C-alpha cells in the first residue's frame, strides 16, 4: 500500500520522540510517512506542542510553495540524448521530464525491454531511471512506435463510453 504524505496534525494524531537534536513524528493513522526533523540542541527544551507547530508550519510552507509552482515539462528535442548515464549511481537518468520510448518483448522470460534513443533498458534499469522522480506522478501515453516524436491527441473518457 502506498504511504500517505504527512499532514497538518494535532497532538492526539501523532507520537513525538527525540533523538539528540532530532525529532521523529509518527502519525497514529497507519500508512502515513514518518517525519524526521533536525531542530538542534533546543529540541530538548521544546514541548511536544512547540515541535508539532514547527512541523505544521513546514507543511503549510510546502503547501504554499506547491500551490504557486507551475510545472512546465521539458522534452528533449528528437535527435538529442534523452537520458544520460550517472556513473556514481550506476544508473541511467532522464535529461528532461518527457521520455519517448519503444517497448519490445525480447527480455528474459518475455520481460519487456524499453528502448530510449539507442539504449536498451531492462525493466530493472528502467525502474531505477524512474526512481529519479520518486514522489512525483506520471502519465504514460501509448502511441504507435513510428509516432513517438509527434504530439498525441488525448481524449479524456472511459473507453466503454466511446
N, C-alpha and C. Protein backbone atom coordinates (compact mmCIF):
# COMPACT_ATOMS: atom_id res chain seq x y z
N UNK A 1 0.84 -1.17 0.00
CA UNK A 1 0.00 0.00 0.00
C UNK A 1 0.89 1.24 0.00
N UNK A 2 0.49 2.22 -0.78
CA UNK A 2 1.26 3.46 -0.89
C UNK A 2 1.11 4.27 0.40
N UNK A 3 2.24 4.79 0.86
CA UNK A 3 2.25 5.60 2.07
C UNK A 3 1.64 6.97 1.78
N UNK A 4 0.86 7.48 2.73
CA UNK A 4 0.28 8.82 2.62
C UNK A 4 1.31 9.85 3.05
N UNK A 5 1.17 11.06 2.53
CA UNK A 5 2.05 12.15 2.91
C UNK A 5 1.66 12.66 4.30
N UNK A 6 2.64 13.16 5.06
CA UNK A 6 2.32 13.79 6.34
C UNK A 6 1.37 14.97 6.14
N UNK A 7 0.53 15.21 7.10
CA UNK A 7 -0.45 16.29 7.02
C UNK A 7 -0.44 17.08 8.32
N UNK A 8 -1.04 18.27 8.26
CA UNK A 8 -1.13 19.11 9.46
C UNK A 8 -1.95 18.34 10.49
N UNK A 9 -1.37 18.21 11.69
CA UNK A 9 -1.95 17.33 12.69
C UNK A 9 -2.09 18.02 14.04
N UNK A 10 -2.82 17.36 14.92
CA UNK A 10 -2.93 17.77 16.31
C UNK A 10 -2.17 16.76 17.15
N UNK A 11 -1.92 17.11 18.40
CA UNK A 11 -1.13 16.24 19.28
C UNK A 11 -1.73 14.85 19.43
N UNK A 12 -3.05 14.73 19.37
CA UNK A 12 -3.66 13.41 19.54
C UNK A 12 -3.56 12.55 18.28
N UNK A 13 -2.99 13.10 17.19
CA UNK A 13 -2.85 12.35 15.94
C UNK A 13 -1.43 11.85 15.69
N UNK A 14 -0.50 12.22 16.57
CA UNK A 14 0.92 11.86 16.35
C UNK A 14 1.57 11.42 17.66
N UNK A 15 2.72 10.75 17.49
CA UNK A 15 3.62 10.44 18.59
C UNK A 15 4.94 11.14 18.28
N UNK A 16 5.48 11.87 19.26
CA UNK A 16 6.70 12.63 19.04
C UNK A 16 7.79 12.08 19.96
N UNK A 17 8.96 11.80 19.38
CA UNK A 17 10.10 11.36 20.19
C UNK A 17 11.32 12.15 19.76
N UNK A 18 12.27 12.22 20.65
CA UNK A 18 13.50 12.98 20.40
C UNK A 18 14.69 12.03 20.40
N UNK A 19 15.65 12.33 19.52
CA UNK A 19 16.92 11.61 19.49
C UNK A 19 18.01 12.65 19.29
N UNK A 20 18.62 13.06 20.38
CA UNK A 20 19.64 14.10 20.30
C UNK A 20 19.02 15.40 19.83
N UNK A 21 19.48 15.91 18.69
CA UNK A 21 18.97 17.17 18.13
C UNK A 21 17.85 16.94 17.13
N UNK A 22 17.41 15.71 17.03
CA UNK A 22 16.41 15.33 16.03
C UNK A 22 15.08 14.96 16.67
N UNK A 23 14.03 15.05 15.86
CA UNK A 23 12.68 14.70 16.28
C UNK A 23 12.11 13.70 15.30
N UNK A 24 11.38 12.74 15.83
CA UNK A 24 10.66 11.77 14.99
C UNK A 24 9.18 11.97 15.26
N UNK A 25 8.44 12.25 14.20
CA UNK A 25 6.99 12.45 14.31
C UNK A 25 6.33 11.30 13.58
N UNK A 26 5.66 10.44 14.35
CA UNK A 26 4.95 9.29 13.79
C UNK A 26 3.45 9.53 13.92
N UNK A 27 2.76 9.36 12.81
CA UNK A 27 1.31 9.50 12.82
C UNK A 27 0.69 8.23 13.39
N UNK A 28 -0.37 8.40 14.16
CA UNK A 28 -1.08 7.24 14.70
C UNK A 28 -1.84 6.54 13.58
N UNK A 29 -2.34 7.33 12.62
CA UNK A 29 -3.02 6.74 11.46
C UNK A 29 -2.03 5.87 10.70
N UNK A 30 -2.42 4.64 10.37
CA UNK A 30 -1.49 3.77 9.63
C UNK A 30 -1.21 4.32 8.22
N UNK A 31 -0.05 3.95 7.71
CA UNK A 31 0.37 4.25 6.34
C UNK A 31 0.59 5.73 6.06
N UNK A 32 0.94 6.50 7.09
CA UNK A 32 1.36 7.88 6.89
C UNK A 32 2.87 7.91 7.14
N UNK A 33 3.60 8.52 6.21
CA UNK A 33 5.05 8.56 6.34
C UNK A 33 5.49 9.23 7.63
N UNK A 34 6.48 8.65 8.26
CA UNK A 34 7.08 9.24 9.46
C UNK A 34 7.96 10.41 9.04
N UNK A 35 7.96 11.47 9.86
CA UNK A 35 8.76 12.66 9.58
C UNK A 35 9.95 12.70 10.53
N UNK A 36 11.13 12.99 9.99
CA UNK A 36 12.35 13.14 10.76
C UNK A 36 12.82 14.57 10.60
N UNK A 37 12.88 15.32 11.69
CA UNK A 37 13.31 16.72 11.64
C UNK A 37 14.57 16.91 12.47
N UNK A 38 15.50 17.69 11.94
CA UNK A 38 16.65 18.11 12.73
C UNK A 38 16.36 19.54 13.16
N UNK A 39 16.25 19.73 14.47
CA UNK A 39 15.93 21.05 15.01
C UNK A 39 17.16 21.67 15.66
N UNK A 40 17.94 20.89 16.34
CA UNK A 40 19.12 21.41 17.03
C UNK A 40 19.01 21.16 18.52
N UNK A 41 19.98 21.63 19.29
CA UNK A 41 20.00 21.34 20.73
C UNK A 41 18.77 21.85 21.48
N UNK A 42 18.13 22.91 20.96
CA UNK A 42 16.96 23.48 21.64
C UNK A 42 15.78 22.52 21.67
N UNK A 43 15.85 21.43 20.87
CA UNK A 43 14.73 20.49 20.83
C UNK A 43 14.46 19.87 22.20
N UNK A 44 15.51 19.73 23.02
CA UNK A 44 15.33 19.11 24.33
C UNK A 44 14.49 19.97 25.26
N UNK A 45 14.45 21.28 25.03
CA UNK A 45 13.66 22.18 25.88
C UNK A 45 12.28 22.48 25.30
N UNK A 46 12.03 22.03 24.07
CA UNK A 46 10.75 22.32 23.42
C UNK A 46 9.68 21.34 23.89
N UNK A 47 8.45 21.84 23.97
CA UNK A 47 7.32 20.96 24.29
C UNK A 47 6.91 20.23 23.02
N UNK A 48 6.16 19.15 23.18
CA UNK A 48 5.65 18.43 22.01
C UNK A 48 4.80 19.36 21.16
N UNK A 49 4.02 20.22 21.80
CA UNK A 49 3.17 21.17 21.05
C UNK A 49 4.02 22.12 20.20
N UNK A 50 5.12 22.61 20.76
CA UNK A 50 6.01 23.51 20.00
C UNK A 50 6.64 22.78 18.82
N UNK A 51 7.04 21.55 19.04
CA UNK A 51 7.62 20.75 17.95
C UNK A 51 6.58 20.52 16.87
N UNK A 52 5.37 20.15 17.28
CA UNK A 52 4.31 19.90 16.30
C UNK A 52 3.97 21.16 15.53
N UNK A 53 3.97 22.30 16.19
CA UNK A 53 3.68 23.55 15.48
C UNK A 53 4.76 23.85 14.45
N UNK A 54 6.03 23.58 14.78
CA UNK A 54 7.10 23.77 13.80
C UNK A 54 6.89 22.84 12.60
N UNK A 55 6.55 21.60 12.88
CA UNK A 55 6.25 20.62 11.81
C UNK A 55 5.10 21.12 10.94
N UNK A 56 4.02 21.56 11.57
CA UNK A 56 2.86 22.04 10.82
C UNK A 56 3.19 23.28 10.01
N UNK A 57 4.05 24.17 10.54
CA UNK A 57 4.49 25.35 9.79
C UNK A 57 5.24 24.94 8.52
N UNK A 58 6.10 23.92 8.65
CA UNK A 58 6.82 23.42 7.47
C UNK A 58 5.85 22.88 6.43
N UNK A 59 4.85 22.14 6.88
CA UNK A 59 3.85 21.59 5.94
C UNK A 59 3.06 22.71 5.27
N UNK A 60 2.70 23.74 6.04
CA UNK A 60 1.98 24.89 5.43
C UNK A 60 2.86 25.58 4.38
N UNK A 61 4.14 25.75 4.68
CA UNK A 61 5.06 26.38 3.73
C UNK A 61 5.18 25.53 2.46
N UNK A 62 5.26 24.20 2.63
CA UNK A 62 5.33 23.31 1.46
C UNK A 62 4.05 23.41 0.63
N UNK A 63 2.90 23.46 1.30
CA UNK A 63 1.62 23.58 0.58
C UNK A 63 1.56 24.90 -0.18
N UNK A 64 2.04 25.98 0.44
CA UNK A 64 2.05 27.29 -0.22
C UNK A 64 2.93 27.26 -1.46
N UNK A 65 4.14 26.69 -1.31
CA UNK A 65 5.06 26.60 -2.45
C UNK A 65 4.45 25.75 -3.57
N UNK A 66 3.82 24.64 -3.21
CA UNK A 66 3.22 23.75 -4.21
C UNK A 66 2.09 24.47 -4.94
N UNK A 67 1.30 25.28 -4.23
CA UNK A 67 0.18 25.96 -4.88
C UNK A 67 0.67 27.04 -5.85
N UNK A 68 1.87 27.56 -5.64
CA UNK A 68 2.42 28.60 -6.51
C UNK A 68 3.28 28.03 -7.64
N UNK A 69 3.61 26.75 -7.56
CA UNK A 69 4.52 26.14 -8.53
C UNK A 69 3.78 25.82 -9.84
N UNK A 70 4.33 26.29 -10.93
CA UNK A 70 3.77 25.96 -12.24
C UNK A 70 4.78 25.06 -12.95
N UNK A 71 4.39 23.81 -13.16
CA UNK A 71 5.32 22.86 -13.78
C UNK A 71 5.21 22.93 -15.29
N UNK A 72 6.33 23.09 -15.93
CA UNK A 72 6.41 23.02 -17.39
C UNK A 72 7.34 21.86 -17.70
N UNK A 73 6.79 20.81 -18.30
CA UNK A 73 7.57 19.62 -18.60
C UNK A 73 8.51 19.91 -19.77
N UNK A 74 9.78 19.58 -19.58
CA UNK A 74 10.80 19.77 -20.62
C UNK A 74 10.94 18.47 -21.40
N UNK A 75 10.80 18.56 -22.70
CA UNK A 75 11.03 17.41 -23.57
C UNK A 75 12.27 17.69 -24.40
N UNK A 76 13.23 16.80 -24.32
CA UNK A 76 14.47 16.94 -25.08
C UNK A 76 14.12 16.77 -26.57
N UNK A 77 14.61 17.64 -27.43
CA UNK A 77 14.25 17.55 -28.85
C UNK A 77 14.71 16.22 -29.48
N UNK A 78 13.95 15.71 -30.45
CA UNK A 78 14.37 14.49 -31.16
C UNK A 78 15.78 14.66 -31.72
N UNK A 79 16.56 13.58 -31.64
CA UNK A 79 17.93 13.61 -32.13
C UNK A 79 18.95 13.97 -31.05
N UNK A 80 18.49 14.46 -29.92
CA UNK A 80 19.38 14.78 -28.80
C UNK A 80 19.19 13.70 -27.74
N UNK A 81 20.20 13.37 -26.95
CA UNK A 81 20.07 12.30 -25.95
C UNK A 81 19.05 12.66 -24.86
N UNK A 82 18.10 11.74 -24.63
CA UNK A 82 17.08 11.95 -23.61
C UNK A 82 17.53 11.48 -22.23
N UNK A 83 18.50 10.57 -22.20
CA UNK A 83 18.98 10.03 -20.93
C UNK A 83 20.50 10.10 -20.91
N UNK A 84 21.04 10.10 -19.68
CA UNK A 84 22.49 10.07 -19.53
C UNK A 84 22.82 9.07 -18.43
N UNK A 85 24.00 8.50 -18.53
CA UNK A 85 24.42 7.53 -17.53
C UNK A 85 25.06 8.25 -16.37
N UNK A 86 24.57 7.99 -15.17
CA UNK A 86 25.09 8.59 -13.95
C UNK A 86 25.97 7.55 -13.28
N UNK A 87 27.28 7.65 -13.54
CA UNK A 87 28.21 6.62 -13.09
C UNK A 87 28.25 6.41 -11.58
N UNK A 88 28.26 7.46 -10.74
CA UNK A 88 28.29 7.22 -9.30
C UNK A 88 27.10 6.39 -8.79
N UNK A 89 25.95 6.53 -9.44
CA UNK A 89 24.78 5.75 -9.04
C UNK A 89 24.60 4.49 -9.85
N UNK A 90 25.45 4.29 -10.85
CA UNK A 90 25.37 3.12 -11.73
C UNK A 90 23.97 2.97 -12.31
N UNK A 91 23.45 4.09 -12.88
CA UNK A 91 22.12 4.04 -13.47
C UNK A 91 21.94 5.14 -14.51
N UNK A 92 20.95 4.94 -15.35
CA UNK A 92 20.56 5.95 -16.33
C UNK A 92 19.63 6.95 -15.65
N UNK A 93 19.73 8.22 -16.08
CA UNK A 93 18.85 9.26 -15.56
C UNK A 93 18.27 10.06 -16.72
N UNK A 94 17.03 10.54 -16.59
CA UNK A 94 16.45 11.34 -17.67
C UNK A 94 17.08 12.74 -17.70
N UNK A 95 17.22 13.30 -18.89
CA UNK A 95 17.72 14.66 -19.03
C UNK A 95 16.58 15.66 -19.03
N UNK A 96 15.37 15.20 -19.26
CA UNK A 96 14.20 16.07 -19.27
C UNK A 96 13.08 15.43 -18.47
N UNK A 97 11.86 15.91 -18.71
CA UNK A 97 10.69 15.43 -17.97
C UNK A 97 9.78 14.54 -18.82
N UNK A 98 10.10 14.40 -20.09
CA UNK A 98 9.31 13.58 -21.02
C UNK A 98 10.26 12.57 -21.65
N UNK A 99 9.85 11.33 -21.74
CA UNK A 99 10.67 10.30 -22.38
C UNK A 99 9.90 9.66 -23.53
N UNK A 100 10.53 9.63 -24.69
CA UNK A 100 9.98 8.90 -25.84
C UNK A 100 10.64 7.52 -25.84
N UNK A 101 9.84 6.48 -25.74
CA UNK A 101 10.35 5.12 -25.59
C UNK A 101 9.65 4.19 -26.57
N UNK A 102 10.28 3.05 -26.81
CA UNK A 102 9.67 1.96 -27.56
C UNK A 102 9.76 0.72 -26.68
N UNK A 103 8.66 -0.01 -26.61
CA UNK A 103 8.57 -1.22 -25.79
C UNK A 103 8.72 -2.44 -26.69
N UNK A 104 9.60 -3.34 -26.32
CA UNK A 104 9.77 -4.62 -27.04
C UNK A 104 9.60 -5.74 -26.02
N UNK A 105 9.49 -6.97 -26.52
CA UNK A 105 9.30 -8.11 -25.61
C UNK A 105 10.45 -9.09 -25.67
N UNK A 106 11.66 -8.62 -25.88
CA UNK A 106 12.80 -9.51 -26.05
C UNK A 106 13.56 -9.85 -24.80
N UNK A 107 13.06 -9.48 -23.63
CA UNK A 107 13.79 -9.74 -22.40
C UNK A 107 13.63 -11.17 -21.94
N UNK A 108 14.35 -11.55 -20.88
CA UNK A 108 14.25 -12.91 -20.34
C UNK A 108 12.83 -13.19 -19.86
N UNK A 109 12.35 -14.40 -20.12
CA UNK A 109 11.01 -14.84 -19.71
C UNK A 109 9.92 -13.91 -20.23
N UNK A 110 10.12 -13.35 -21.42
CA UNK A 110 9.10 -12.49 -22.02
C UNK A 110 9.02 -11.11 -21.39
N UNK A 111 10.01 -10.75 -20.58
CA UNK A 111 10.01 -9.44 -19.92
C UNK A 111 10.14 -8.34 -20.96
N UNK A 112 9.49 -7.23 -20.70
CA UNK A 112 9.58 -6.08 -21.60
C UNK A 112 11.00 -5.50 -21.57
N UNK A 113 11.39 -4.95 -22.70
CA UNK A 113 12.64 -4.20 -22.83
C UNK A 113 12.24 -2.82 -23.31
N UNK A 114 12.80 -1.80 -22.71
CA UNK A 114 12.47 -0.42 -23.06
C UNK A 114 13.66 0.19 -23.80
N UNK A 115 13.39 0.74 -24.97
CA UNK A 115 14.42 1.41 -25.76
C UNK A 115 14.20 2.91 -25.66
N UNK A 116 15.22 3.62 -25.21
CA UNK A 116 15.22 5.07 -25.20
C UNK A 116 16.43 5.49 -26.00
N UNK A 117 16.18 6.24 -27.07
CA UNK A 117 17.22 6.55 -28.04
C UNK A 117 17.76 5.19 -28.53
N UNK A 118 19.05 4.96 -28.47
CA UNK A 118 19.60 3.68 -28.90
C UNK A 118 19.98 2.80 -27.71
N UNK A 119 19.47 3.12 -26.54
CA UNK A 119 19.82 2.38 -25.33
C UNK A 119 18.73 1.38 -24.98
N UNK A 120 19.15 0.13 -24.73
CA UNK A 120 18.23 -0.93 -24.31
C UNK A 120 18.25 -1.01 -22.79
N UNK A 121 17.08 -0.82 -22.18
CA UNK A 121 16.99 -0.86 -20.72
C UNK A 121 16.08 -2.01 -20.31
N UNK A 122 16.57 -2.82 -19.38
CA UNK A 122 15.72 -3.85 -18.79
C UNK A 122 14.66 -3.15 -17.94
N UNK A 123 13.65 -3.90 -17.51
CA UNK A 123 12.65 -3.30 -16.61
C UNK A 123 13.30 -2.80 -15.33
N UNK A 124 14.30 -3.54 -14.85
CA UNK A 124 15.01 -3.12 -13.64
C UNK A 124 15.71 -1.79 -13.87
N UNK A 125 16.44 -1.67 -14.98
CA UNK A 125 17.14 -0.43 -15.29
C UNK A 125 16.17 0.72 -15.53
N UNK A 126 15.05 0.44 -16.20
CA UNK A 126 14.05 1.47 -16.44
C UNK A 126 13.43 1.91 -15.11
N UNK A 127 13.19 0.96 -14.22
CA UNK A 127 12.66 1.29 -12.90
C UNK A 127 13.60 2.17 -12.11
N UNK A 128 14.89 1.89 -12.20
CA UNK A 128 15.88 2.73 -11.49
C UNK A 128 15.90 4.13 -12.09
N UNK A 129 15.73 4.24 -13.40
CA UNK A 129 15.66 5.55 -14.04
C UNK A 129 14.44 6.31 -13.51
N UNK A 130 13.31 5.61 -13.36
CA UNK A 130 12.09 6.26 -12.86
C UNK A 130 12.24 6.75 -11.43
N UNK A 131 13.05 6.07 -10.63
CA UNK A 131 13.23 6.46 -9.22
C UNK A 131 13.82 7.86 -9.11
N UNK A 132 14.44 8.35 -10.18
CA UNK A 132 14.93 9.72 -10.21
C UNK A 132 13.79 10.69 -9.87
N UNK A 133 12.57 10.32 -10.23
CA UNK A 133 11.40 11.15 -9.98
C UNK A 133 10.53 10.60 -8.84
N UNK A 134 11.11 9.90 -7.90
CA UNK A 134 10.34 9.37 -6.77
C UNK A 134 9.58 10.50 -6.09
N UNK A 135 8.32 10.26 -5.79
CA UNK A 135 7.47 11.26 -5.17
C UNK A 135 6.67 12.07 -6.16
N UNK A 136 6.98 11.96 -7.44
CA UNK A 136 6.24 12.66 -8.48
C UNK A 136 5.18 11.71 -9.03
N UNK A 137 4.29 12.22 -9.83
CA UNK A 137 3.33 11.40 -10.56
C UNK A 137 3.79 11.30 -12.01
N UNK A 138 3.14 10.43 -12.77
CA UNK A 138 3.47 10.38 -14.20
C UNK A 138 2.25 9.93 -14.98
N UNK A 139 2.22 10.32 -16.23
CA UNK A 139 1.20 9.87 -17.17
C UNK A 139 1.95 9.15 -18.27
N UNK A 140 1.43 8.03 -18.70
CA UNK A 140 2.04 7.29 -19.80
C UNK A 140 1.08 7.33 -20.97
N UNK A 141 1.56 7.76 -22.12
CA UNK A 141 0.74 7.82 -23.32
C UNK A 141 1.32 6.81 -24.31
N UNK A 142 0.52 5.83 -24.70
CA UNK A 142 0.96 4.84 -25.67
C UNK A 142 0.59 5.31 -27.07
N UNK A 143 1.59 5.32 -27.95
CA UNK A 143 1.39 5.74 -29.35
C UNK A 143 2.10 4.73 -30.24
N UNK A 144 1.70 4.65 -31.51
CA UNK A 144 2.43 3.76 -32.43
C UNK A 144 3.91 4.14 -32.46
N UNK A 145 4.78 3.14 -32.61
CA UNK A 145 6.22 3.39 -32.50
C UNK A 145 6.76 4.36 -33.54
N UNK A 146 6.04 4.54 -34.65
CA UNK A 146 6.51 5.49 -35.66
C UNK A 146 5.98 6.90 -35.42
N UNK A 147 5.31 7.11 -34.28
CA UNK A 147 4.75 8.43 -33.97
C UNK A 147 5.21 8.96 -32.61
N UNK A 148 6.29 8.42 -32.07
CA UNK A 148 6.69 8.86 -30.73
C UNK A 148 7.21 10.29 -30.72
N UNK A 149 7.56 10.84 -31.87
CA UNK A 149 8.03 12.22 -31.92
C UNK A 149 6.90 13.22 -32.14
N UNK A 150 5.66 12.74 -32.24
CA UNK A 150 4.52 13.62 -32.51
C UNK A 150 3.72 13.85 -31.24
N UNK A 151 3.05 14.99 -31.20
CA UNK A 151 2.12 15.24 -30.09
C UNK A 151 0.89 14.37 -30.32
N UNK A 152 0.49 13.66 -29.28
CA UNK A 152 -0.68 12.79 -29.38
C UNK A 152 -1.92 13.55 -28.91
N UNK A 153 -3.01 13.35 -29.62
CA UNK A 153 -4.28 13.90 -29.17
C UNK A 153 -4.77 13.04 -28.01
N UNK A 154 -5.22 13.67 -26.96
CA UNK A 154 -5.69 12.95 -25.79
C UNK A 154 -7.16 13.29 -25.56
N UNK A 155 -7.98 12.28 -25.43
CA UNK A 155 -9.39 12.44 -25.12
C UNK A 155 -9.62 11.82 -23.75
N UNK A 156 -10.20 12.57 -22.85
CA UNK A 156 -10.47 12.03 -21.51
C UNK A 156 -11.88 11.46 -21.50
N UNK A 157 -11.95 10.14 -21.39
CA UNK A 157 -13.23 9.44 -21.34
C UNK A 157 -12.94 7.99 -20.96
N UNK A 158 -13.97 7.25 -20.63
CA UNK A 158 -13.83 5.82 -20.39
C UNK A 158 -14.01 5.14 -21.74
N UNK A 159 -13.10 4.22 -22.10
CA UNK A 159 -13.18 3.53 -23.38
C UNK A 159 -14.56 2.94 -23.64
N UNK A 160 -15.21 2.46 -22.58
CA UNK A 160 -16.54 1.86 -22.72
C UNK A 160 -17.59 2.89 -23.11
N UNK A 161 -17.31 4.19 -22.91
CA UNK A 161 -18.26 5.24 -23.23
C UNK A 161 -18.12 5.78 -24.64
N UNK A 162 -17.08 5.37 -25.36
CA UNK A 162 -16.81 5.94 -26.70
C UNK A 162 -17.71 5.37 -27.74
